[in-house]
Amino acid sequence: MKAHILPIVGTIALQAALCLPVMGADPHSSTSRPPIYDETADGGKQIADALVVARKENKKVLLQFGANWCGWCHKLHSLCKSDAAIAAKLKSDYVVVLVDVNKAHNEDINQRYGNPMRFGLPVLVVLDADGKQLVTKDSSELEEGDHHNPKRVLAFLDEWARKKA
């Protein structure tokens, strides 16, 4: 189950199961995972820079909204690096931007793309090289049990790499 933003969370166990930070705890200090999101980066600048590369290289831009405390974000990131077919597809057809949304960071970017965080974390948004939003993907649809299904992830990437605006 991926992390969902809930208005009220009743128990610490529920928070842990949903990959939400525990109230009063520093979500960054309890993890041994290296951070994958730059918590100081301006998402708008990251995206603008990615669009320059995407136009030059005729690629799409893949935004992954997430946070360093989110286990599902780390699982998807790890799969994208470790699965040879997914890594090759990303390299050939996408410019990837990891957009940090911890503690409402980059909230303007979240709103610009239609509040994709309503699906929880991580969430994927594909842009064409001109910045037009092509799709928002609830990444839970790519899950299978306790991981992301590599075939589903690759199928999603293949489908949107071919789409024209």
Protein backbone atom coordinates (compact mmCIF):
# COMPACT_ATOMS: atom_id res chain seq x y z
CA MET A 1 0.00 0.00 0.00
CA LYS A 2 1.39 3.39 -0.95
CA ALA A 3 1.49 6.48 1.22
CA HIS A 4 -1.71 8.46 1.19
CA ILE A 5 -2.22 11.90 2.60
CA LEU A 6 -4.92 11.50 5.24
CA PRO A 7 -6.66 14.29 7.12
CA ILE A 8 -6.75 12.33 10.39
CA VAL A 9 -4.48 9.43 11.30
CA GLY A 10 -5.57 7.45 14.32
CA THR A 11 -2.61 5.32 15.31
CA ILE A 12 1.13 5.11 14.93
CA ALA A 13 0.68 1.61 13.49
CA LEU A 14 -1.58 2.97 10.76
CA GLN A 15 0.92 5.70 10.02
CA ALA A 16 3.72 3.19 9.69
CA ALA A 17 1.63 0.92 7.47
CA LEU A 18 0.81 3.82 5.18
CA CYS A 19 4.39 5.11 5.11
CA LEU A 20 3.37 8.32 6.86
CA PRO A 21 5.65 10.02 9.34
CA VAL A 22 4.84 9.48 12.98
CA MET A 23 3.60 12.65 14.71
CA GLY A 24 6.39 14.17 16.73
CA ALA A 25 9.05 12.03 15.09
CA ASP A 26 11.59 13.26 12.60
CA PRO A 27 10.93 11.10 9.53
CA HIS A 28 14.45 11.75 8.26
CA SER A 29 16.33 10.53 11.31
CA SER A 30 14.70 7.10 11.46
CA THR A 31 15.69 5.97 8.00
CA SER A 32 18.96 4.42 6.93
CA ARG A 33 18.09 5.00 3.26
CA PRO A 34 20.00 7.72 1.51
CA PRO A 35 17.77 10.60 0.44
CA ILE A 36 16.59 10.52 -3.17
CA TYR A 37 14.71 13.83 -3.15
CA ASP A 38 16.47 17.17 -2.79
CA GLU A 39 14.44 18.85 -0.05
CA THR A 40 15.88 22.26 -0.93
CA ALA A 41 15.34 22.11 -4.70
CA ASP A 42 12.93 24.44 -6.45
CA GLY A 43 10.65 22.06 -8.34
CA GLY A 44 9.81 24.72 -10.92
CA LYS A 45 13.49 25.18 -11.77
CA GLN A 46 14.05 21.41 -11.86
CA ILE A 47 11.19 21.04 -14.34
CA ALA A 48 12.28 24.02 -16.46
CA ASP A 49 15.79 22.58 -16.70
CA ALA A 50 14.40 19.14 -17.59
CA LEU A 51 12.24 20.64 -20.34
CA VAL A 52 15.30 22.24 -21.95
CA VAL A 53 16.97 18.81 -22.11
CA ALA A 54 13.74 17.10 -23.24
CA ARG A 55 13.31 19.51 -26.17
CA LYS A 56 16.95 19.14 -27.18
CA GLU A 57 16.87 15.32 -26.96
CA ASN A 58 13.26 14.77 -28.11
CA LYS A 59 12.22 13.14 -24.82
CA LYS A 60 9.35 13.27 -22.38
CA VAL A 61 9.72 14.50 -18.80
CA LEU A 62 8.76 12.12 -16.01
CA LEU A 63 7.97 13.82 -12.70
CA GLN A 64 7.99 11.62 -9.62
CA PHE A 65 6.36 13.43 -6.71
CA GLY A 66 7.49 12.02 -3.38
CA ALA A 67 9.36 12.44 -0.12
CA ASN A 68 12.43 10.87 1.46
CA TRP A 69 10.39 9.33 4.29
CA CYS A 70 8.17 7.43 1.83
CA GLY A 71 9.10 3.77 1.51
CA TRP A 72 7.11 3.31 -1.70
CA CYS A 73 8.99 6.25 -3.24
CA HIS A 74 12.27 4.49 -2.47
CA LYS A 75 10.94 1.19 -3.84
CA LEU A 76 9.95 2.76 -7.15
CA HIS A 77 13.22 4.69 -7.41
CA SER A 78 15.21 1.53 -6.68
CA LEU A 79 13.28 -0.46 -9.29
CA CYS A 80 13.89 2.24 -11.89
CA LYS A 81 17.62 2.01 -11.25
CA SER A 82 17.97 -1.77 -10.85
CA ASP A 83 15.68 -3.15 -13.56
CA ALA A 84 17.70 -3.05 -16.80
CA ALA A 85 14.70 -2.64 -19.14
CA ILE A 86 13.14 0.16 -17.06
CA ALA A 87 16.48 1.95 -16.66
CA ALA A 88 17.09 1.73 -20.42
CA LYS A 89 13.59 3.06 -21.22
CA LEU A 90 14.04 5.98 -18.84
CA LYS A 91 17.47 6.79 -20.28
CA SER A 92 16.31 6.64 -23.91
CA ASP A 93 12.92 8.35 -23.65
CA TYR A 94 12.65 10.45 -20.47
CA VAL A 95 14.23 13.16 -18.42
CA VAL A 96 13.39 12.22 -14.83
CA VAL A 97 12.69 14.82 -12.14
CA LEU A 98 12.23 13.82 -8.51
CA VAL A 99 9.97 16.51 -7.02
CA ASP A 100 10.15 16.72 -3.24
CA VAL A 101 6.77 17.43 -1.65
CA ASN A 102 7.68 16.85 2.00
CA LYS A 103 5.94 19.30 4.38
CA ALA A 104 4.20 21.12 1.50
CA HIS A 105 7.54 21.80 -0.23
CA ASN A 106 6.85 22.60 -3.90
CA GLU A 107 3.13 22.99 -3.18
CA ASP A 108 2.90 25.38 -6.14
CA ILE A 109 4.15 22.60 -8.41
CA ASN A 110 1.67 20.14 -6.92
CA GLN A 111 -1.13 22.62 -7.68
CA ARG A 112 0.23 23.42 -11.17
CA TYR A 113 -0.19 19.78 -12.17
CA GLY A 114 -3.69 19.35 -10.75
CA ASN A 115 -2.82 18.18 -7.23
CA PRO A 116 -1.45 14.75 -8.20
CA MET A 117 -0.68 14.13 -4.52
CA ARG A 118 -4.39 13.36 -4.08
CA PHE A 119 -3.38 9.85 -5.13
CA GLY A 120 -0.73 9.57 -2.41
CA LEU A 121 2.99 9.05 -2.90
CA PRO A 122 4.73 8.43 -5.14
CA VAL A 123 2.74 9.79 -8.04
CA LEU A 124 3.97 10.12 -11.62
CA VAL A 125 3.27 12.88 -14.13
CA VAL A 126 4.42 12.72 -17.75
CA LEU A 127 5.02 15.93 -19.68
CA ASP A 128 5.81 16.33 -23.34
CA ALA A 129 8.91 18.31 -24.30
CA ASP A 130 6.86 21.52 -24.37
CA GLY A 131 5.66 21.00 -20.81
CA LYS A 132 2.14 19.85 -21.65
CA GLN A 133 0.86 17.41 -19.03
CA LEU A 134 0.03 14.14 -20.76
CA VAL A 135 -0.95 11.91 -17.84
CA THR A 136 -0.98 11.64 -14.07
CA LYS A 137 -0.48 8.10 -12.79
CA ASP A 138 -1.49 6.78 -9.39
CA SER A 139 1.52 4.54 -8.84
CA SER A 140 -0.52 2.13 -6.70
CA GLU A 141 -1.83 0.85 -10.04
CA LEU A 142 1.72 -0.30 -10.75
CA GLU A 143 2.01 -2.21 -7.48
CA GLU A 144 1.81 -5.91 -6.83
CA GLY A 145 1.94 -7.01 -3.21
CA ASP A 146 4.83 -5.30 -1.47
CA HIS A 147 6.56 -3.98 -4.62
CA HIS A 148 6.00 -2.31 -7.97
CA ASN A 149 5.47 -4.78 -10.79
CA PRO A 150 8.32 -4.22 -13.29
CA LYS A 151 6.12 -5.21 -16.26
CA ARG A 152 3.44 -2.68 -15.30
CA VAL A 153 6.00 0.07 -14.80
CA LEU A 154 7.65 -0.68 -18.14
CA ALA A 155 4.28 -0.85 -19.94
CA PHE A 156 3.36 2.56 -18.51
CA LEU A 157 6.68 4.05 -19.61
CA ASP A 158 6.42 2.46 -23.08
CA GLU A 159 2.88 3.74 -23.58
CA TRP A 160 3.66 7.35 -22.73
CA ALA A 161 7.02 7.44 -24.49
CA ARG A 162 5.13 6.85 -27.76
CA LYS A 163 2.21 9.25 -27.11
CA LYS A 164 2.03 12.46 -29.05
CA ALA A 165 0.63 15.60 -27.42
